[in-house]
């Protein structure tokens, strides 16, 4: 990534991606144009929006983010500051505009190492340990050699004084001995360096073993009934990983525990299978009883009572089994088909068991700030299995189609043939701003937004440049950057941004910066003339199939949207495979 500052200290980015969660020293950041007269230090401030801010030194024009910076997948606010040393502290000289960088999501670091990887780690630890011992012996031997050589040199010098040899010969022997001593000392130092390198590799291998033990612990924790025991083993593994021998023992113990946990999971699976079998048997009995009602009502009543007791003994393990038990009860009362509603917000859903027909009752919009821009998921097509149902262009052309702001959304009521617009937008650069006393800037030229009626509730806003704040968070706290509204007076918008010094410069900077906001009075439009009466009604579905709400951003943006479907469900097939 390259961050370029122009003469006005405005920021241009080669990319908005700072890195992915958990990366360390992977993506260097270059900063160009730092030069400010009088400044001798430059820092980058990163604001996570939750009260946490990091400041990193970029004086040299280079910086590489670490894992503590890339702590979670989100968009962060950033600002570059130029400072100078005054006395024994740094004072601010100049700030850039606030810009946004994105921390991308990453797959977690809890993958379980394969047996071959774990074994290889243990072999490496053992080999390094042996090499370390050998290098240390070499170092000791070299040191002893050096000592002996030095002593010999001393003896040679003494002998030179006492012997009948010439002074030149004695000096020559002393010099030779000195050289040998220096050589031996060098060998000792080399050996010690080798030992230190081996020690470093040992520490690295120990850390790898610790990571393997922690990953094994995470896998074991997936077994709910044994998570407490597994956590204890993980703690023991971490403690034992302080030495090479303990690492081997800890990993072996953890492997044993994981094996035991797998056996526990298998037992649970067998129990679930037994419970499902019991439920299905009860269903068949209930259906048979229901079929016999006209012929033998008294016997049927008794059977229903027996089936009800049997159903009560079925252990509920998942959502589908709960549906199955409910279906058994309904069938015991003579019901064969039933309506079910799904209101989960999602990009794609799975058709429930027993479903035969589906009607889409409503689809809403959803907006997010991605890479410094508002991205909205206006559904363009509902894909049911291999069948596609395109949304008519007349629907997609409705004002604010696919938008949301906070908890507010624009949505299509397909059941009642209505479009409910709860969110509108405005270009902040078109509003008239003045400098505020308790806030940086304010305007009263946004009419029609919904009021919060509370100092502690944030308005339903979404803005690519500013995070939404409550009035308590922003009023009188100009150091907190963000956008908010008053609680009970319509039209007022407040922005805290100390980068701008006057309202004229702020208004100019806001050109093209959009704000999505919730309307006080939703706009309802009759769309009965825009869609057919049977559009997305009574669509044939297959249990286990998919329903996908595609948008014009493509599959790269699998943005979940609010939606509601109604299914016609055959109760005898609930919980089955058909």
Protein backbone atom coordinates (compact mmCIF):
# COMPACT_ATOMS: atom_id res chain seq x y z
CA UNK A 1 0.00 0.00 0.00
CA UNK A 2 1.13 3.56 -0.80
CA UNK A 3 -0.33 6.64 0.97
CA UNK A 4 0.40 9.87 -0.91
CA UNK A 5 0.02 13.33 0.66
CA UNK A 6 -0.27 16.40 -1.58
CA UNK A 7 0.75 19.96 -0.66
CA UNK A 8 -2.62 20.48 1.08
CA UNK A 9 -1.98 17.28 3.06
CA UNK A 10 -4.90 15.59 1.37
CA UNK A 11 -4.63 11.80 1.07
CA UNK A 12 -4.61 9.53 -1.98
CA UNK A 13 -4.52 5.74 -1.56
CA UNK A 14 -3.23 3.04 -3.89
CA UNK A 15 -5.64 0.68 -2.11
CA UNK A 16 -7.96 0.82 0.91
CA UNK A 17 -6.88 -2.63 2.17
CA UNK A 18 -4.64 -2.35 5.25
CA UNK A 19 -4.38 -6.12 5.65
CA UNK A 20 -6.23 -9.20 6.82
CA UNK A 21 -7.02 -10.12 10.44
CA UNK A 22 -4.07 -11.73 12.23
CA UNK A 23 -1.34 -10.83 9.69
CA UNK A 24 2.02 -9.73 11.10
CA UNK A 25 4.64 -7.78 9.09
CA UNK A 26 3.08 -8.96 5.83
CA UNK A 27 2.03 -5.79 3.96
CA UNK A 28 4.43 -2.81 4.05
CA UNK A 29 2.89 0.64 3.97
CA UNK A 30 4.78 3.46 2.21
CA UNK A 31 3.93 7.08 2.96
CA UNK A 32 4.96 9.77 0.46
CA UNK A 33 4.83 13.56 0.85
CA UNK A 34 5.37 13.68 4.61
CA UNK A 35 7.57 16.81 4.49
CA UNK A 36 6.18 19.66 6.61
CA UNK A 37 8.29 22.69 7.53
CA UNK A 38 9.37 22.51 11.16
CA UNK A 39 8.11 18.92 11.69
CA UNK A 40 10.53 16.18 12.74
CA UNK A 41 8.12 13.35 13.59
CA UNK A 42 5.17 11.85 11.72
CA UNK A 43 2.54 9.48 13.14
CA UNK A 44 -0.48 7.57 11.80
CA UNK A 45 -3.48 7.48 14.16
CA UNK A 46 -5.92 4.54 13.73
CA UNK A 47 -9.43 4.78 15.26
CA UNK A 48 -11.45 1.56 15.58
CA UNK A 49 -14.69 3.37 16.44
CA UNK A 50 -15.07 1.67 19.84
CA UNK A 51 -12.96 4.10 21.87
CA UNK A 52 -9.66 2.35 21.01
CA UNK A 53 -7.02 4.32 19.08
CA UNK A 54 -3.50 3.27 18.03
CA UNK A 55 -0.68 5.65 17.07
CA UNK A 56 2.20 4.31 14.96
CA UNK A 57 5.42 6.08 13.93
CA UNK A 58 5.83 6.63 10.17
CA UNK A 59 8.68 9.19 10.31
CA UNK A 60 10.83 7.10 7.99
CA UNK A 61 8.03 6.82 5.42
CA UNK A 62 7.70 3.06 5.99
CA UNK A 63 5.57 0.99 8.36
CA UNK A 64 4.30 -2.57 8.39
CA UNK A 65 1.11 -3.43 10.39
CA UNK A 66 1.21 -6.21 12.97
CA UNK A 67 -1.49 -8.53 14.30
CA UNK A 68 -2.39 -6.17 17.15
CA UNK A 69 -3.28 -3.51 14.56
CA UNK A 70 -5.18 -5.98 12.34
CA UNK A 71 -7.34 -7.10 15.28
CA UNK A 72 -10.78 -7.42 13.64
CA UNK A 73 -12.49 -7.24 10.23
CA UNK A 74 -13.81 -3.67 9.92
CA UNK A 75 -13.29 -0.25 8.40
CA UNK A 76 -11.05 2.01 10.52
CA UNK A 77 -10.63 5.81 10.50
CA UNK A 78 -7.07 7.07 9.96
CA UNK A 79 -5.26 10.41 10.09
CA UNK A 80 -1.63 11.41 9.58
CA UNK A 81 -0.16 14.02 11.95
CA UNK A 82 3.08 16.01 11.59
CA UNK A 83 4.70 16.99 14.93
CA UNK A 84 7.78 18.81 16.20
CA UNK A 85 9.77 18.54 19.40
CA UNK A 86 9.20 21.46 21.77
CA UNK A 87 11.17 21.14 24.99
CA UNK A 88 10.61 17.58 26.16
CA UNK A 89 7.32 16.93 24.34
CA UNK A 90 5.97 16.78 20.79
CA UNK A 91 3.39 19.34 19.63
CA UNK A 92 1.07 19.14 16.60
CA UNK A 93 2.07 20.97 13.42
CA UNK A 94 -0.33 19.67 10.75
CA UNK A 95 -2.99 16.95 10.18
CA UNK A 96 -4.20 15.22 7.04
CA UNK A 97 -7.85 14.68 6.30
CA UNK A 98 -9.43 11.63 7.90
CA UNK A 99 -9.41 8.67 5.54
CA UNK A 100 -10.68 5.07 5.80
CA UNK A 101 -8.81 1.82 5.52
CA UNK A 102 -10.25 -1.67 5.53
CA UNK A 103 -9.16 -4.66 7.58
CA UNK A 104 -10.29 -7.74 5.68
CA UNK A 105 -11.78 -10.86 7.24
CA UNK A 106 -9.70 -13.99 7.53
CA UNK A 107 -10.26 -17.64 8.20
CA UNK A 108 -9.45 -18.37 11.86
CA UNK A 109 -6.11 -19.72 13.04
CA UNK A 110 -7.64 -22.70 14.83
CA UNK A 111 -7.14 -25.35 12.14
CA UNK A 112 -6.28 -28.73 13.65
CA UNK A 113 -2.82 -29.96 12.56
CA UNK A 114 -2.78 -33.35 10.82
CA UNK A 115 -1.05 -36.22 12.61
CA UNK A 116 1.89 -35.94 10.17
CA UNK A 117 2.33 -32.22 10.96
CA UNK A 118 2.20 -32.82 14.72
CA UNK A 119 4.69 -35.67 14.44
CA UNK A 120 7.00 -33.55 12.29
CA UNK A 121 6.90 -30.76 14.91
CA UNK A 122 7.88 -33.21 17.64
CA UNK A 123 10.69 -34.66 15.50
CA UNK A 124 11.99 -31.14 14.83
CA UNK A 125 11.98 -30.32 18.53
CA UNK A 126 13.88 -33.53 19.31
CA UNK A 127 16.43 -32.98 16.54
CA UNK A 128 17.01 -29.35 17.53
CA UNK A 129 17.45 -30.40 21.14
CA UNK A 130 20.13 -32.93 20.16
CA UNK A 131 21.85 -30.38 17.92
CA UNK A 132 21.77 -27.80 20.70
CA UNK A 133 23.42 -30.21 23.08
CA UNK A 134 26.12 -31.03 20.52
CA UNK A 135 26.78 -27.34 19.79
CA UNK A 136 27.08 -26.60 23.49
CA UNK A 137 29.60 -29.45 23.87
CA UNK A 138 31.54 -28.02 20.94
CA UNK A 139 31.49 -24.60 22.57
CA UNK A 140 32.76 -26.02 25.87
CA UNK A 141 35.51 -27.93 24.09
CA UNK A 142 36.55 -24.85 22.13
CA UNK A 143 36.57 -22.74 25.27
CA UNK A 144 38.75 -25.31 27.03
CA UNK A 145 41.09 -25.34 24.05
CA UNK A 146 41.31 -21.56 24.16
CA UNK A 147 42.10 -21.62 27.88
CA UNK A 148 44.78 -24.25 27.44
CA UNK A 149 46.30 -22.32 24.55
CA UNK A 150 46.36 -19.14 26.58
CA UNK A 151 48.04 -20.94 29.46
CA UNK A 152 50.56 -22.41 27.07
CA UNK A 153 51.24 -18.95 25.69
CA UNK A 154 51.87 -17.68 29.23
CA UNK A 155 54.15 -20.59 29.96
CA UNK A 156 55.95 -20.04 26.67
CA UNK A 157 56.54 -16.41 27.52
CA UNK A 158 57.90 -17.32 30.98
CA UNK A 159 60.09 -19.93 29.47
CA UNK A 160 61.35 -17.42 26.98
CA UNK A 161 62.53 -15.21 29.80
CA UNK A 162 64.30 -18.03 31.57
CA UNK A 163 65.61 -20.07 28.68
CA UNK A 164 68.86 -19.72 26.92
CA UNK A 165 67.07 -19.09 23.63
CA UNK A 166 67.26 -15.76 21.98
CA UNK A 167 64.65 -13.11 22.68
CA UNK A 168 63.51 -13.28 19.06
CA UNK A 169 62.80 -17.02 19.27
CA UNK A 170 60.87 -16.63 22.52
CA UNK A 171 58.79 -13.79 21.10
CA UNK A 172 58.04 -15.87 18.00
CA UNK A 173 56.81 -18.78 20.11
CA UNK A 174 54.70 -16.46 22.24
CA UNK A 175 53.16 -14.87 19.13
CA UNK A 176 52.34 -18.30 17.74
CA UNK A 177 50.69 -19.32 20.97
CA UNK A 178 48.74 -16.07 21.06
CA UNK A 179 47.48 -16.66 17.52
CA UNK A 180 46.40 -20.18 18.45
CA UNK A 181 44.57 -18.84 21.47
CA UNK A 182 42.79 -16.21 19.36
CA UNK A 183 41.82 -18.87 16.83
CA UNK A 184 40.45 -21.10 19.54
CA UNK A 185 38.55 -18.17 21.02
CA UNK A 186 37.05 -17.44 17.60
CA UNK A 187 36.00 -21.08 17.29
CA UNK A 188 34.44 -20.90 20.71
CA UNK A 189 32.52 -17.76 19.78
CA UNK A 190 31.31 -19.39 16.53
CA UNK A 191 30.20 -22.44 18.45
CA UNK A 192 28.39 -20.27 20.99
CA UNK A 193 26.61 -18.46 18.15
CA UNK A 194 25.58 -21.83 16.75
CA UNK A 195 24.27 -22.78 20.15
CA UNK A 196 22.30 -19.53 20.39
CA UNK A 197 20.82 -20.12 16.91
CA UNK A 198 19.84 -23.62 17.94
CA UNK A 199 18.28 -22.24 21.14
CA UNK A 200 16.25 -19.75 19.08
CA UNK A 201 15.01 -22.54 16.80
CA UNK A 202 14.12 -24.56 19.87
CA UNK A 203 12.02 -21.68 21.22
CA UNK A 204 10.33 -21.34 17.81
CA UNK A 205 9.60 -25.07 17.76
CA UNK A 206 8.24 -24.85 21.31
CA UNK A 207 5.91 -22.06 20.22
CA UNK A 208 4.79 -24.19 17.27
CA UNK A 209 4.04 -27.02 19.66
CA UNK A 210 2.09 -24.63 21.89
CA UNK A 211 0.04 -23.51 18.85
CA UNK A 212 -0.63 -27.15 17.91
CA UNK A 213 -1.77 -27.88 21.45
CA UNK A 214 -4.04 -24.81 21.48
CA UNK A 215 -5.54 -25.84 18.11
CA UNK A 216 -6.23 -29.31 19.41
CA UNK A 217 -7.90 -27.71 22.43
CA UNK A 218 -10.15 -25.62 20.17
CA UNK A 219 -11.22 -28.73 18.25
CA UNK A 220 -12.04 -30.51 21.48
CA UNK A 221 -14.13 -27.61 22.72
CA UNK A 222 -16.61 -28.25 19.91
CA UNK A 223 -17.99 -31.10 21.98
CA UNK A 224 -20.30 -29.11 24.25
CA UNK A 225 -20.64 -31.72 26.95
CA UNK A 226 -16.83 -31.97 27.37
CA UNK A 227 -15.76 -28.37 26.77
CA UNK A 228 -14.84 -27.76 30.43
CA UNK A 229 -12.67 -30.87 30.55
CA UNK A 230 -11.11 -30.02 27.20
CA UNK A 231 -10.30 -26.48 28.33
CA UNK A 232 -8.49 -27.99 31.30
CA UNK A 233 -6.42 -30.16 29.00
CA UNK A 234 -5.63 -27.16 26.83
CA UNK A 235 -4.42 -25.20 29.86
CA UNK A 236 -2.28 -28.17 30.93
CA UNK A 237 -0.88 -28.47 27.40
CA UNK A 238 0.12 -24.80 27.36
CA UNK A 239 1.86 -25.10 30.73
CA UNK A 240 3.70 -28.26 29.74
CA UNK A 241 4.82 -26.68 26.47
CA UNK A 242 7.49 -24.71 28.39
CA UNK A 243 9.97 -27.47 27.66
CA UNK A 244 10.62 -29.73 24.69
CA UNK A 245 9.95 -32.94 26.54
CA UNK A 246 6.74 -31.56 28.06
CA UNK A 247 5.56 -30.42 24.61
CA UNK A 248 5.71 -33.98 23.34
CA UNK A 249 3.83 -35.31 26.35
CA UNK A 250 1.17 -32.52 26.16
CA UNK A 251 0.46 -33.13 22.47
CA UNK A 252 0.18 -36.87 23.08
CA UNK A 253 -2.24 -36.30 25.96
CA UNK A 254 -4.28 -33.88 23.86
CA UNK A 255 -4.45 -36.38 21.01
CA UNK A 256 -5.75 -38.96 23.49
CA UNK A 257 -8.39 -36.53 24.72
CA UNK A 258 -9.48 -35.63 21.17
CA UNK A 259 -9.87 -39.34 20.46
CA UNK A 260 -12.04 -39.65 23.55
CA UNK A 261 -14.08 -36.61 22.48
CA UNK A 262 -14.61 -38.15 19.04
CA UNK A 263 -15.99 -41.22 20.77
CA UNK A 264 -18.30 -38.97 22.81
CA UNK A 265 -19.51 -37.26 19.62
CA UNK A 266 -20.16 -40.66 18.08
CA UNK A 267 -22.20 -41.64 21.15
CA UNK A 268 -24.19 -38.42 20.88
CA UNK A 269 -24.77 -39.01 17.17
CA UNK A 270 -26.02 -42.51 17.92
CA UNK A 271 -28.39 -41.08 20.53
CA UNK A 272 -29.70 -38.50 18.08
CA UNK A 273 -30.25 -41.25 15.54
CA UNK A 274 -32.19 -43.24 18.15
CA UNK A 275 -34.27 -40.16 19.00
CA UNK A 276 -35.00 -39.47 15.34
CA UNK A 277 -36.01 -43.07 14.87
CA UNK A 278 -38.33 -42.81 17.86
CA UNK A 279 -39.82 -39.62 16.50
CA UNK A 280 -40.42 -41.08 13.07
CA UNK A 281 -41.96 -44.20 14.59
CA UNK A 282 -44.26 -41.99 16.63
CA UNK A 283 -45.13 -40.04 13.48
CA UNK A 284 -46.08 -43.17 11.63
CA UNK A 285 -48.20 -44.30 14.57
CA UNK A 286 -49.88 -40.92 14.79
CA UNK A 287 -50.66 -40.92 11.07
CA UNK A 288 -52.10 -44.38 11.31
CA UNK A 289 -54.26 -43.30 14.22
CA UNK A 290 -55.41 -40.23 12.34
CA UNK A 291 -56.36 -42.41 9.37
CA UNK A 292 -58.40 -44.64 11.65
CA UNK A 293 -60.38 -41.87 13.36
CA UNK A 294 -63.63 -42.35 11.40
CA UNK A 295 -63.72 -46.07 12.24
CA UNK A 296 -62.59 -46.27 15.82
CA UNK A 297 -62.69 -42.91 17.59
CA UNK A 298 -62.32 -44.30 21.14
CA UNK A 299 -59.25 -46.34 20.25
CA UNK A 300 -57.80 -43.38 18.35
CA UNK A 301 -58.07 -41.12 21.38
CA UNK A 302 -56.17 -43.64 23.45
CA UNK A 303 -53.48 -43.95 20.79
CA UNK A 304 -53.09 -40.19 20.57
CA UNK A 305 -52.49 -40.08 24.33
CA UNK A 306 -49.85 -42.80 24.02
CA UNK A 307 -48.18 -40.98 21.12
CA UNK A 308 -48.17 -37.70 23.04
CA UNK A 309 -46.33 -39.38 25.92
CA UNK A 310 -43.87 -40.94 23.48
CA UNK A 311 -43.26 -37.60 21.81
CA UNK A 312 -42.51 -36.03 25.20
CA UNK A 313 -39.68 -38.51 25.72
CA UNK A 314 -37.93 -37.57 22.48
CA UNK A 315 -34.74 -35.61 23.17
CA UNK A 316 -34.68 -32.37 21.10
CA UNK A 317 -31.24 -31.88 19.60
CA UNK A 318 -31.72 -29.44 16.73
CA UNK A 319 -34.18 -27.16 14.97
CA UNK A 320 -35.36 -29.81 12.54
CA UNK A 321 -36.08 -32.27 15.33
CA UNK A 322 -38.10 -29.58 17.12
CA UNK A 323 -40.10 -29.07 13.92
CA UNK A 324 -40.58 -32.83 13.68
CA UNK A 325 -41.94 -33.09 17.21
CA UNK A 326 -44.32 -30.19 16.56
CA UNK A 327 -45.41 -31.88 13.35
CA UNK A 328 -46.09 -35.12 15.23
CA UNK A 329 -48.31 -33.28 17.65
CA UNK A 330 -50.23 -31.59 14.83
CA UNK A 331 -50.64 -34.87 12.95
CA UNK A 332 -51.92 -36.46 16.15
CA UNK A 333 -54.67 -33.84 16.02
CA UNK A 334 -55.53 -34.61 12.40
CA UNK A 335 -53.50 -31.82 10.69
CA UNK A 336 -51.64 -32.86 7.53
CA UNK A 337 -50.35 -29.53 6.12
CA UNK A 338 -49.33 -26.27 7.73
CA UNK A 339 -47.97 -22.79 6.92
CA UNK A 340 -44.48 -21.89 8.16
CA UNK A 341 -42.78 -18.48 8.01
CA UNK A 342 -39.03 -17.78 7.72
CA UNK A 343 -37.90 -14.23 8.64
CA UNK A 344 -34.13 -14.77 8.96
CA UNK A 345 -31.97 -12.06 7.37
CA UNK A 346 -29.66 -13.80 4.87
CA UNK A 347 -28.06 -13.77 1.41
CA UNK A 348 -29.01 -17.44 0.87
CA UNK A 349 -31.30 -19.88 2.69
CA UNK A 350 -32.03 -23.61 2.70
CA UNK A 351 -35.57 -24.83 1.97
CA UNK A 352 -36.87 -26.64 5.10
CA UNK A 353 -37.92 -30.29 5.06
CA UNK A 354 -41.53 -30.92 4.12
CA UNK A 355 -41.82 -27.63 2.15
CA UNK A 356 -43.81 -27.90 -1.10
CA UNK A 357 -44.69 -24.31 -2.07
CA UNK A 358 -43.14 -20.96 -1.18
CA UNK A 359 -44.38 -17.37 -1.41
CA UNK A 360 -42.03 -14.40 -0.89
CA UNK A 361 -43.86 -11.95 1.36
CA UNK A 362 -41.25 -9.15 1.52
CA UNK A 363 -37.65 -8.21 0.65
CA UNK A 364 -35.78 -5.28 2.19
CA UNK A 365 -32.58 -3.40 1.42
CA UNK A 366 -29.29 -3.37 3.27
CA UNK A 367 -26.44 -0.81 3.03
CA UNK A 368 -22.88 -1.01 4.34
CA UNK A 369 -19.77 1.18 4.12
CA UNK A 370 -17.14 -0.82 2.20
CA UNK A 371 -13.78 0.68 1.14
CA UNK A 372 -14.98 4.19 1.96
CA UNK A 373 -18.20 3.94 -0.06
CA UNK A 374 -21.83 3.06 0.68
CA UNK A 375 -22.65 -0.30 -0.94
CA UNK A 376 -26.33 -1.25 -1.07
CA UNK A 377 -27.77 -4.70 -1.72
CA UNK A 378 -30.76 -4.04 -3.94
CA UNK A 379 -32.03 -7.53 -4.81
CA UNK A 380 -32.06 -8.03 -8.59
CA UNK A 381 -33.01 -11.71 -8.70
CA UNK A 382 -34.46 -14.39 -6.44
CA UNK A 383 -32.90 -17.74 -7.38
CA UNK A 384 -34.90 -20.78 -6.24
CA UNK A 385 -32.73 -23.81 -6.97
CA UNK A 386 -31.96 -23.66 -10.69
CA UNK A 387 -34.88 -21.29 -11.43
CA UNK A 388 -34.33 -17.53 -11.54
CA UNK A 389 -37.03 -14.93 -10.82
CA UNK A 390 -35.71 -11.50 -11.94
CA UNK A 391 -36.99 -8.45 -10.09
CA UNK A 392 -38.81 -6.15 -12.58
CA UNK A 393 -36.91 -3.02 -13.63
CA UNK A 394 -39.87 -0.89 -12.49
CA UNK A 395 -39.35 -2.20 -8.93
CA UNK A 396 -35.56 -1.68 -9.01
CA UNK A 397 -36.15 1.91 -10.20
CA UNK A 398 -38.16 2.85 -7.08
CA UNK A 399 -36.53 5.65 -5.02
CA UNK A 400 -33.90 4.31 -2.63
CA UNK A 401 -34.40 0.67 -3.66
CA UNK A 402 -32.05 -1.55 -1.63
CA UNK A 403 -31.11 1.16 0.90
CA UNK A 404 -30.93 0.97 4.68
CA UNK A 405 -29.67 3.20 7.49
CA UNK A 406 -29.07 1.63 10.88
CA UNK A 407 -32.14 -0.45 11.67
CA UNK A 408 -34.31 1.36 9.11
CA UNK A 409 -34.73 -0.04 5.60
CA UNK A 410 -36.62 0.43 2.35
CA UNK A 411 -38.59 -2.71 1.55
CA UNK A 412 -41.03 -4.23 -0.93
CA UNK A 413 -44.23 -5.73 0.49
CA UNK A 414 -44.96 -8.33 -2.20
CA UNK A 415 -47.88 -9.74 -0.25
CA UNK A 416 -49.82 -6.44 -0.18
CA UNK A 417 -48.25 -4.93 -3.33
CA UNK A 418 -46.63 -1.92 -1.60
CA UNK A 419 -43.24 -0.21 -1.50
CA UNK A 420 -42.37 1.32 1.88
CA UNK A 421 -39.58 3.91 1.70
CA UNK A 422 -38.19 4.54 5.20
CA UNK A 423 -34.74 5.81 4.13
CA UNK A 424 -33.75 8.85 2.07
CA UNK A 425 -30.37 10.42 1.21
CA UNK A 426 -28.70 13.82 0.98
CA UNK A 427 -25.37 15.17 -0.29
CA UNK A 428 -23.82 16.84 2.77
CA UNK A 429 -22.12 19.34 0.45
CA UNK A 430 -25.54 20.76 -0.55
CA UNK A 431 -26.42 21.79 3.02
CA UNK A 432 -25.52 25.11 4.67
CA UNK A 433 -23.17 24.67 7.63
CA UNK A 434 -22.04 26.94 10.46
CA UNK A 435 -19.43 26.48 13.14
CA UNK A 436 -20.95 25.28 16.42
CA UNK A 437 -20.07 25.98 20.01
CA UNK A 438 -20.41 22.49 21.44
CA UNK A 439 -19.82 20.73 18.10
CA UNK A 440 -17.48 21.45 15.20
CA UNK A 441 -20.22 22.18 12.62
CA UNK A 442 -24.02 22.10 12.50
CA UNK A 443 -26.90 22.59 10.04
CA UNK A 444 -30.67 22.78 10.36
CA UNK A 445 -31.36 22.26 6.67
CA UNK A 446 -32.17 18.55 6.69
CA UNK A 447 -35.93 18.33 7.10
CA UNK A 448 -37.87 15.13 7.52
CA UNK A 449 -35.45 12.90 9.42
CA UNK A 450 -36.77 10.79 12.30
CA UNK A 451 -35.90 12.10 15.78
CA UNK A 452 -34.31 9.89 18.42
CA UNK A 453 -36.18 11.39 21.41
CA UNK A 454 -33.18 10.37 23.52
CA UNK A 455 -29.65 11.69 24.19
CA UNK A 456 -28.33 8.10 24.37
CA UNK A 457 -29.82 6.73 21.13
CA UNK A 458 -27.96 7.23 17.86
CA UNK A 459 -29.99 8.26 14.80
CA UNK A 460 -30.41 5.81 11.95
CA UNK A 461 -27.63 7.27 9.78
CA UNK A 462 -25.04 5.75 7.47
CA UNK A 463 -22.23 7.92 6.08
CA UNK A 464 -18.98 6.78 4.39
CA UNK A 465 -16.92 9.55 6.01
CA UNK A 466 -18.24 9.63 9.59
CA UNK A 467 -19.40 7.06 12.11
CA UNK A 468 -22.78 7.68 13.76
CA UNK A 469 -22.74 8.97 17.34
CA UNK A 470 -25.35 9.64 20.03
CA UNK A 471 -25.83 13.22 21.19
CA UNK A 472 -24.23 12.25 24.51
CA UNK A 473 -21.15 11.01 22.63
CA UNK A 474 -20.69 14.09 20.43
CA UNK A 475 -22.16 17.14 22.17
CA UNK A 476 -19.35 19.11 23.84
CA UNK A 477 -16.75 16.50 22.82
CA UNK A 478 -15.14 17.90 19.66
CA UNK A 479 -12.26 15.44 20.01
CA UNK A 480 -14.72 12.66 19.12
CA UNK A 481 -15.10 12.55 15.33
CA UNK A 482 -18.54 11.57 14.04
CA UNK A 483 -22.02 12.62 12.94
CA UNK A 484 -25.18 12.89 15.03
CA UNK A 485 -28.60 14.59 15.26
CA UNK A 486 -30.57 16.39 17.93
CA UNK A 487 -33.12 14.41 19.88
CA UNK A 488 -36.25 16.54 19.43
CA UNK A 489 -35.73 19.30 16.83
CA UNK A 490 -36.11 18.34 13.19
CA UNK A 491 -33.55 19.32 10.57
CA UNK A 492 -30.44 19.57 12.77
CA UNK A 493 -27.32 17.59 11.94
CA UNK A 494 -24.07 17.82 13.92
CA UNK A 495 -20.56 16.89 12.76
CA UNK A 496 -17.43 16.79 14.89
CA UNK A 497 -14.26 17.07 12.77
CA UNK A 498 -11.43 19.26 14.05
CA UNK A 499 -9.50 18.90 10.78
CA UNK A 500 -11.56 21.72 9.24
CA UNK A 501 -11.20 25.24 10.63
CA UNK A 502 -14.19 27.03 9.12
CA UNK A 503 -17.65 26.26 7.73
CA UNK A 504 -16.79 27.26 4.14
CA UNK A 505 -13.89 24.80 3.93
CA UNK A 506 -16.03 22.10 5.58
CA UNK A 507 -18.91 22.58 3.11
CA UNK A 508 -16.49 22.34 0.20
CA UNK A 509 -14.97 19.14 1.61
CA UNK A 510 -18.44 17.57 1.97
CA UNK A 511 -19.18 17.79 -1.76
CA UNK A 512 -20.26 14.30 -2.83
CA UNK A 513 -20.30 12.86 0.71
CA UNK A 514 -23.67 11.10 1.03
CA UNK A 515 -25.76 10.58 4.14
CA UNK A 516 -28.53 7.96 4.31
CA UNK A 517 -31.07 8.75 7.03
CA UNK A 518 -34.38 7.44 8.38
CA UNK A 519 -37.53 9.36 7.42
CA UNK A 520 -39.90 10.51 10.14
CA UNK A 521 -42.85 9.62 7.86
CA UNK A 522 -42.35 6.63 5.53
CA UNK A 523 -43.48 7.04 1.93
CA UNK A 524 -45.81 4.22 0.83
CA UNK A 525 -46.27 3.53 -2.90
CA UNK A 526 -48.84 1.20 -4.51
CA UNK A 527 -46.97 -1.21 -6.81
CA UNK A 528 -49.87 -3.44 -7.83
CA UNK A 529 -49.54 -2.20 -11.42
CA UNK A 530 -45.79 -2.94 -11.50
CA UNK A 531 -45.88 -6.70 -10.79
CA UNK A 532 -48.08 -9.63 -11.74
CA UNK A 533 -50.49 -10.99 -9.14
CA UNK A 534 -48.65 -14.32 -9.02
CA UNK A 535 -45.12 -12.88 -8.90
CA UNK A 536 -43.07 -14.89 -6.35
CA UNK A 537 -46.29 -16.61 -5.21
CA UNK A 538 -46.73 -20.37 -4.75
CA UNK A 539 -43.32 -21.21 -6.19
CA UNK A 540 -42.58 -24.95 -6.15
CA UNK A 541 -39.61 -25.77 -3.90
CA UNK A 542 -37.65 -28.86 -2.94
CA UNK A 543 -36.55 -29.62 0.60
CA UNK A 544 -32.85 -28.97 1.03
CA UNK A 545 -32.77 -26.66 -1.98
CA UNK A 546 -31.52 -23.08 -1.92
CA UNK A 547 -33.09 -19.61 -2.11
CA UNK A 548 -30.61 -16.85 -2.97
CA UNK A 549 -31.26 -13.09 -2.95
CA UNK A 550 -28.76 -11.88 -5.56
CA UNK A 551 -27.81 -8.21 -5.99
CA UNK A 552 -26.09 -6.18 -8.70
CA UNK A 553 -22.80 -6.12 -6.74
CA UNK A 554 -22.10 -9.71 -7.76
CA UNK A 555 -21.15 -12.76 -5.71
CA UNK A 556 -18.15 -10.88 -4.26
CA UNK A 557 -20.63 -9.02 -2.04
CA UNK A 558 -22.84 -11.67 -0.45
CA UNK A 559 -24.67 -9.04 1.58
CA UNK A 560 -27.50 -10.43 3.75
CA UNK A 561 -30.87 -8.75 3.29
CA UNK A 562 -34.04 -8.82 5.40
CA UNK A 563 -36.69 -11.05 3.84
CA UNK A 564 -39.74 -13.11 4.72
CA UNK A 565 -41.09 -16.29 3.10
CA UNK A 566 -44.16 -18.40 3.76
CA UNK A 567 -44.02 -22.15 3.09
CA UNK A 568 -46.77 -24.73 2.65
CA UNK A 569 -45.37 -27.72 4.57
CA UNK A 570 -46.46 -31.36 4.44
CA UNK A 571 -46.13 -32.44 8.06
CA UNK A 572 -45.45 -36.10 7.36
CA UNK A 573 -42.20 -35.10 5.59
CA UNK A 574 -40.89 -32.69 8.24
CA UNK A 575 -37.49 -33.84 9.47
CA UNK A 576 -37.12 -36.39 6.69
CA UNK A 577 -35.02 -36.37 3.57
CA UNK A 578 -37.80 -35.61 1.04
